[in-house]
Amino acid sequence: MAGELVPTVMFPRFTTLSGAGTYTTAPLQVTRYAELRLNVWRGPLIGTTPTILFTIQESIDRENWTTCSGTSAFDPGSETEDQETATLTKRWMRLKAVLAGTDAGVTCWATGGLELRET
């Protein structure tokens, strides 16, 4: 049924990312879905001048990734939950987190719902 939300977990509660780098979730096939509503929370950043940016990405081939329509890279802020809504137009979707800084670390989670397409 169109409009129905199917629960999804991108980063389970409470996932710890440790060390500067790019972290991505496994790609999800999303051809049945029109939209993603994702809630992202993160705790305090640790390390020397740490930063983090989350990006919802999509791909037709799981090789070349682009930012989903309606979104941009974001940081919800320390101990803050933020909701992002992404329009899904390609076959695959994933969440990317880029953590920077010396000895950087953070605990986070990302869960939400995928809205079924009208058929």
N, C-alpha and C. Protein backbone atom coordinates (compact mmCIF):
# COMPACT_ATOMS: atom_id res chain seq x y z
N MET A 1 0.85 -1.18 0.00
CA MET A 1 0.00 0.00 0.00
C MET A 1 0.90 1.24 0.00
N ALA A 2 0.67 2.13 -0.95
CA ALA A 2 1.45 3.36 -1.05
C ALA A 2 1.28 4.19 0.22
N GLY A 3 2.34 4.84 0.62
CA GLY A 3 2.31 5.67 1.82
C GLY A 3 2.67 4.91 3.08
N GLU A 4 2.61 3.57 3.02
CA GLU A 4 2.96 2.76 4.17
C GLU A 4 4.47 2.83 4.40
N LEU A 5 4.87 2.99 5.66
CA LEU A 5 6.30 3.05 5.99
C LEU A 5 6.80 1.68 6.46
N VAL A 6 7.91 1.27 5.86
CA VAL A 6 8.56 0.02 6.24
C VAL A 6 9.78 0.38 7.07
N PRO A 7 9.86 -0.08 8.33
CA PRO A 7 10.98 0.28 9.20
C PRO A 7 12.33 -0.16 8.61
N THR A 8 13.33 0.67 8.81
CA THR A 8 14.68 0.33 8.37
C THR A 8 15.70 0.84 9.40
N VAL A 9 16.78 0.11 9.53
CA VAL A 9 17.87 0.48 10.43
C VAL A 9 19.14 0.59 9.59
N MET A 10 19.75 1.76 9.59
CA MET A 10 20.99 1.97 8.85
C MET A 10 22.20 1.77 9.77
N PHE A 11 22.23 2.48 10.91
CA PHE A 11 23.21 2.25 11.97
C PHE A 11 22.40 1.90 13.21
N PRO A 12 22.57 0.67 13.77
CA PRO A 12 21.81 0.30 14.96
C PRO A 12 22.22 1.13 16.17
N ARG A 13 21.32 1.21 17.16
CA ARG A 13 21.66 1.87 18.42
C ARG A 13 22.62 0.96 19.16
N PHE A 14 23.61 1.32 19.68
CA PHE A 14 24.43 2.51 19.59
C PHE A 14 25.70 2.08 18.89
N THR A 15 25.89 2.54 17.67
CA THR A 15 27.05 2.20 16.85
C THR A 15 28.17 3.18 17.16
N THR A 16 29.38 2.66 17.37
CA THR A 16 30.54 3.51 17.61
C THR A 16 31.44 3.51 16.38
N LEU A 17 31.76 4.71 15.91
CA LEU A 17 32.71 4.88 14.82
C LEU A 17 33.99 5.40 15.45
N SER A 18 35.12 4.75 15.14
CA SER A 18 36.37 5.11 15.78
C SER A 18 37.46 5.26 14.73
N GLY A 19 38.07 6.44 14.71
CA GLY A 19 39.13 6.72 13.76
C GLY A 19 38.61 7.49 12.57
N ALA A 20 39.39 8.44 12.11
CA ALA A 20 39.00 9.23 10.95
C ALA A 20 38.82 8.31 9.75
N GLY A 21 37.76 8.54 8.98
CA GLY A 21 37.53 7.72 7.80
C GLY A 21 36.11 7.84 7.31
N THR A 22 35.83 7.11 6.25
CA THR A 22 34.50 7.06 5.66
C THR A 22 33.86 5.73 6.01
N TYR A 23 32.66 5.79 6.57
CA TYR A 23 31.91 4.60 6.97
C TYR A 23 30.62 4.57 6.16
N THR A 24 30.31 3.42 5.54
CA THR A 24 29.07 3.31 4.78
C THR A 24 28.31 2.07 5.22
N THR A 25 27.00 2.16 5.12
CA THR A 25 26.16 1.01 5.41
C THR A 25 26.12 0.12 4.18
N ALA A 26 25.65 -1.09 4.34
CA ALA A 26 25.46 -1.97 3.20
C ALA A 26 24.38 -1.36 2.30
N PRO A 27 24.53 -1.47 0.99
CA PRO A 27 23.50 -0.92 0.09
C PRO A 27 22.17 -1.66 0.25
N LEU A 28 21.08 -0.90 0.23
CA LEU A 28 19.73 -1.48 0.27
C LEU A 28 19.08 -1.29 -1.09
N GLN A 29 18.44 -2.34 -1.60
CA GLN A 29 17.70 -2.19 -2.85
C GLN A 29 16.38 -1.50 -2.52
N VAL A 30 16.13 -0.36 -3.18
CA VAL A 30 14.98 0.47 -2.81
C VAL A 30 14.04 0.77 -3.99
N THR A 31 14.03 -0.09 -5.00
CA THR A 31 13.17 0.18 -6.16
C THR A 31 11.69 0.19 -5.78
N ARG A 32 11.30 -0.48 -4.74
CA ARG A 32 9.89 -0.51 -4.29
C ARG A 32 9.48 0.74 -3.51
N TYR A 33 10.47 1.61 -3.19
CA TYR A 33 10.21 2.72 -2.29
C TYR A 33 10.40 4.07 -2.97
N ALA A 34 9.58 5.03 -2.57
CA ALA A 34 9.62 6.38 -3.15
C ALA A 34 10.43 7.34 -2.29
N GLU A 35 10.46 7.09 -0.98
CA GLU A 35 11.05 8.07 -0.08
C GLU A 35 11.62 7.38 1.16
N LEU A 36 12.67 8.00 1.71
CA LEU A 36 13.24 7.56 2.98
C LEU A 36 13.08 8.68 3.99
N ARG A 37 12.58 8.35 5.16
CA ARG A 37 12.55 9.29 6.29
C ARG A 37 13.48 8.70 7.35
N LEU A 38 14.60 9.40 7.56
CA LEU A 38 15.65 8.85 8.41
C LEU A 38 15.91 9.76 9.60
N ASN A 39 15.90 9.17 10.80
CA ASN A 39 16.26 9.88 12.03
C ASN A 39 17.68 9.50 12.38
N VAL A 40 18.53 10.53 12.54
CA VAL A 40 19.94 10.30 12.86
C VAL A 40 20.26 11.02 14.17
N TRP A 41 20.91 10.31 15.08
CA TRP A 41 21.35 10.86 16.37
C TRP A 41 22.84 10.58 16.51
N ARG A 42 23.53 11.52 17.15
CA ARG A 42 24.93 11.27 17.49
C ARG A 42 25.24 11.85 18.86
N GLY A 43 26.18 11.21 19.53
CA GLY A 43 26.66 11.69 20.81
C GLY A 43 27.76 12.71 20.61
N PRO A 44 28.43 13.08 21.69
CA PRO A 44 29.53 14.04 21.58
C PRO A 44 30.69 13.46 20.75
N LEU A 45 31.31 14.30 19.97
CA LEU A 45 32.50 13.90 19.22
C LEU A 45 33.70 13.93 20.16
N ILE A 46 34.60 12.95 20.01
CA ILE A 46 35.82 12.96 20.81
C ILE A 46 37.02 13.06 19.87
N GLY A 47 38.15 13.47 20.41
CA GLY A 47 39.36 13.59 19.63
C GLY A 47 39.78 15.05 19.49
N THR A 48 40.76 15.27 18.62
CA THR A 48 41.28 16.61 18.37
C THR A 48 40.61 17.16 17.12
N THR A 49 39.87 18.25 17.26
CA THR A 49 39.10 18.91 16.20
C THR A 49 38.28 17.92 15.36
N PRO A 50 37.45 17.09 16.01
CA PRO A 50 36.67 16.11 15.25
C PRO A 50 35.46 16.75 14.55
N THR A 51 35.10 16.20 13.42
CA THR A 51 33.87 16.57 12.71
C THR A 51 33.25 15.31 12.13
N ILE A 52 31.95 15.38 11.87
CA ILE A 52 31.27 14.27 11.21
C ILE A 52 30.21 14.84 10.27
N LEU A 53 30.04 14.21 9.13
CA LEU A 53 28.98 14.55 8.19
C LEU A 53 28.33 13.27 7.70
N PHE A 54 27.01 13.24 7.71
CA PHE A 54 26.23 12.11 7.20
C PHE A 54 25.66 12.50 5.84
N THR A 55 25.60 11.54 4.92
CA THR A 55 25.02 11.77 3.60
C THR A 55 24.20 10.55 3.20
N ILE A 56 22.97 10.78 2.74
CA ILE A 56 22.13 9.71 2.20
C ILE A 56 22.45 9.65 0.71
N GLN A 57 22.88 8.48 0.25
CA GLN A 57 23.31 8.35 -1.13
C GLN A 57 22.50 7.29 -1.88
N GLU A 58 22.49 7.42 -3.22
CA GLU A 58 21.82 6.42 -4.05
C GLU A 58 22.67 6.11 -5.27
N SER A 59 22.39 4.96 -5.89
CA SER A 59 23.19 4.49 -7.01
C SER A 59 22.35 3.59 -7.91
N ILE A 60 22.71 3.55 -9.19
CA ILE A 60 22.06 2.59 -10.08
C ILE A 60 22.85 1.29 -10.18
N ASP A 61 24.15 1.34 -9.80
CA ASP A 61 25.01 0.18 -10.01
C ASP A 61 25.85 -0.25 -8.79
N ARG A 62 25.69 0.39 -7.66
CA ARG A 62 26.45 0.13 -6.43
C ARG A 62 27.93 0.48 -6.56
N GLU A 63 28.30 1.18 -7.62
CA GLU A 63 29.68 1.62 -7.83
C GLU A 63 29.78 3.14 -7.75
N ASN A 64 28.87 3.83 -8.41
CA ASN A 64 28.86 5.29 -8.49
C ASN A 64 27.72 5.82 -7.63
N TRP A 65 28.06 6.59 -6.59
CA TRP A 65 27.09 7.06 -5.61
C TRP A 65 26.91 8.57 -5.72
N THR A 66 25.65 9.03 -5.58
CA THR A 66 25.33 10.46 -5.56
C THR A 66 24.44 10.75 -4.36
N THR A 67 24.42 11.99 -3.94
CA THR A 67 23.55 12.41 -2.84
C THR A 67 22.10 12.34 -3.29
N CYS A 68 21.23 11.78 -2.44
CA CYS A 68 19.80 11.68 -2.77
C CYS A 68 19.17 13.05 -2.92
N SER A 69 18.22 13.14 -3.81
CA SER A 69 17.48 14.37 -4.04
C SER A 69 16.78 14.83 -2.76
N GLY A 70 16.86 16.12 -2.50
CA GLY A 70 16.21 16.68 -1.33
C GLY A 70 17.06 16.68 -0.08
N THR A 71 18.31 16.18 -0.19
CA THR A 71 19.19 16.14 0.98
C THR A 71 20.55 16.72 0.65
N SER A 72 21.33 16.93 1.69
CA SER A 72 22.73 17.32 1.55
C SER A 72 23.46 16.73 2.76
N ALA A 73 24.77 16.87 2.79
CA ALA A 73 25.54 16.38 3.93
C ALA A 73 25.10 17.15 5.18
N PHE A 74 24.98 16.46 6.30
CA PHE A 74 24.48 17.10 7.52
C PHE A 74 25.13 16.51 8.75
N ASP A 75 25.09 17.28 9.83
CA ASP A 75 25.51 16.86 11.16
C ASP A 75 24.38 17.24 12.11
N PRO A 76 23.73 16.26 12.75
CA PRO A 76 22.60 16.60 13.61
C PRO A 76 22.99 17.40 14.85
N GLY A 77 24.27 17.40 15.23
CA GLY A 77 24.70 18.08 16.45
C GLY A 77 24.80 17.12 17.61
N SER A 78 25.57 17.50 18.60
CA SER A 78 25.82 16.65 19.75
C SER A 78 24.55 16.35 20.53
N GLU A 79 24.33 15.05 20.76
CA GLU A 79 23.18 14.57 21.52
C GLU A 79 21.87 15.13 21.00
N THR A 80 21.80 15.22 19.67
CA THR A 80 20.62 15.76 18.99
C THR A 80 20.18 14.79 17.91
N GLU A 81 18.87 14.64 17.76
CA GLU A 81 18.30 13.81 16.70
C GLU A 81 17.79 14.72 15.59
N ASP A 82 18.09 14.36 14.35
CA ASP A 82 17.66 15.14 13.19
C ASP A 82 16.96 14.19 12.23
N GLN A 83 15.89 14.67 11.58
CA GLN A 83 15.20 13.85 10.58
C GLN A 83 15.47 14.41 9.19
N GLU A 84 15.88 13.54 8.29
CA GLU A 84 16.10 13.88 6.89
C GLU A 84 15.13 13.08 6.04
N THR A 85 14.63 13.71 4.98
CA THR A 85 13.75 13.03 4.04
C THR A 85 14.41 13.05 2.67
N ALA A 86 14.56 11.88 2.07
CA ALA A 86 15.22 11.75 0.78
C ALA A 86 14.26 11.14 -0.23
N THR A 87 14.20 11.72 -1.42
CA THR A 87 13.45 11.16 -2.53
C THR A 87 14.33 10.11 -3.20
N LEU A 88 13.79 8.91 -3.35
CA LEU A 88 14.57 7.80 -3.92
C LEU A 88 14.23 7.64 -5.40
N THR A 89 15.24 7.74 -6.26
CA THR A 89 15.02 7.64 -7.70
C THR A 89 15.85 6.54 -8.36
N LYS A 90 16.76 5.93 -7.61
CA LYS A 90 17.64 4.90 -8.17
C LYS A 90 17.43 3.58 -7.45
N ARG A 91 18.11 2.55 -7.89
CA ARG A 91 17.90 1.20 -7.39
C ARG A 91 18.45 0.95 -5.98
N TRP A 92 19.58 1.58 -5.64
CA TRP A 92 20.26 1.30 -4.38
C TRP A 92 20.38 2.56 -3.52
N MET A 93 20.42 2.37 -2.20
CA MET A 93 20.55 3.48 -1.26
C MET A 93 21.46 3.03 -0.13
N ARG A 94 22.22 4.00 0.44
CA ARG A 94 23.05 3.73 1.61
C ARG A 94 23.22 5.03 2.40
N LEU A 95 23.74 4.89 3.62
CA LEU A 95 24.09 6.04 4.44
C LEU A 95 25.60 6.08 4.56
N LYS A 96 26.17 7.26 4.35
CA LYS A 96 27.61 7.44 4.46
C LYS A 96 27.88 8.40 5.61
N ALA A 97 28.89 8.08 6.43
CA ALA A 97 29.35 8.97 7.49
C ALA A 97 30.84 9.21 7.28
N VAL A 98 31.23 10.49 7.29
CA VAL A 98 32.64 10.84 7.17
C VAL A 98 33.07 11.47 8.49
N LEU A 99 33.97 10.77 9.19
CA LEU A 99 34.48 11.21 10.48
C LEU A 99 35.91 11.71 10.27
N ALA A 100 36.19 12.94 10.72
CA ALA A 100 37.51 13.53 10.55
C ALA A 100 38.05 14.00 11.90
N GLY A 101 39.37 14.16 11.96
CA GLY A 101 40.02 14.64 13.17
C GLY A 101 41.00 13.60 13.69
N THR A 102 41.90 14.04 14.56
CA THR A 102 42.89 13.15 15.15
C THR A 102 42.26 12.38 16.30
N ASP A 103 42.41 11.06 16.28
CA ASP A 103 41.83 10.20 17.32
C ASP A 103 40.33 10.43 17.46
N ALA A 104 39.65 10.65 16.35
CA ALA A 104 38.21 10.96 16.36
C ALA A 104 37.37 9.72 16.68
N GLY A 105 36.24 9.96 17.32
CA GLY A 105 35.29 8.91 17.62
C GLY A 105 33.93 9.49 17.93
N VAL A 106 32.90 8.68 17.73
CA VAL A 106 31.52 9.10 18.00
C VAL A 106 30.63 7.87 18.10
N THR A 107 29.59 7.99 18.90
CA THR A 107 28.54 6.99 18.96
C THR A 107 27.31 7.58 18.29
N CYS A 108 26.64 6.77 17.45
CA CYS A 108 25.50 7.29 16.70
C CYS A 108 24.50 6.18 16.42
N TRP A 109 23.35 6.56 15.87
CA TRP A 109 22.39 5.62 15.31
C TRP A 109 21.59 6.30 14.22
N ALA A 110 21.03 5.49 13.32
CA ALA A 110 20.21 6.01 12.22
C ALA A 110 19.14 4.99 11.89
N THR A 111 17.89 5.36 12.15
CA THR A 111 16.74 4.48 11.87
C THR A 111 15.64 5.30 11.23
N GLY A 112 14.73 4.64 10.57
CA GLY A 112 13.63 5.38 9.96
C GLY A 112 12.68 4.47 9.24
N GLY A 113 12.08 5.02 8.17
CA GLY A 113 11.10 4.27 7.41
C GLY A 113 11.21 4.56 5.93
N LEU A 114 10.95 3.52 5.13
CA LEU A 114 10.91 3.64 3.69
C LEU A 114 9.44 3.64 3.26
N GLU A 115 9.06 4.63 2.45
CA GLU A 115 7.67 4.74 1.99
C GLU A 115 7.50 4.00 0.68
N LEU A 116 6.53 3.06 0.65
CA LEU A 116 6.26 2.29 -0.55
C LEU A 116 5.79 3.18 -1.69
N ARG A 117 6.21 2.84 -2.92
CA ARG A 117 5.75 3.56 -4.12
C ARG A 117 4.31 3.19 -4.43
N GLU A 118 3.62 4.11 -5.09
CA GLU A 118 2.29 3.78 -5.60
C GLU A 118 2.47 2.87 -6.80
N THR A 119 1.62 1.87 -6.90
CA THR A 119 1.74 0.95 -8.04
C THR A 119 0.59 1.06 -9.00
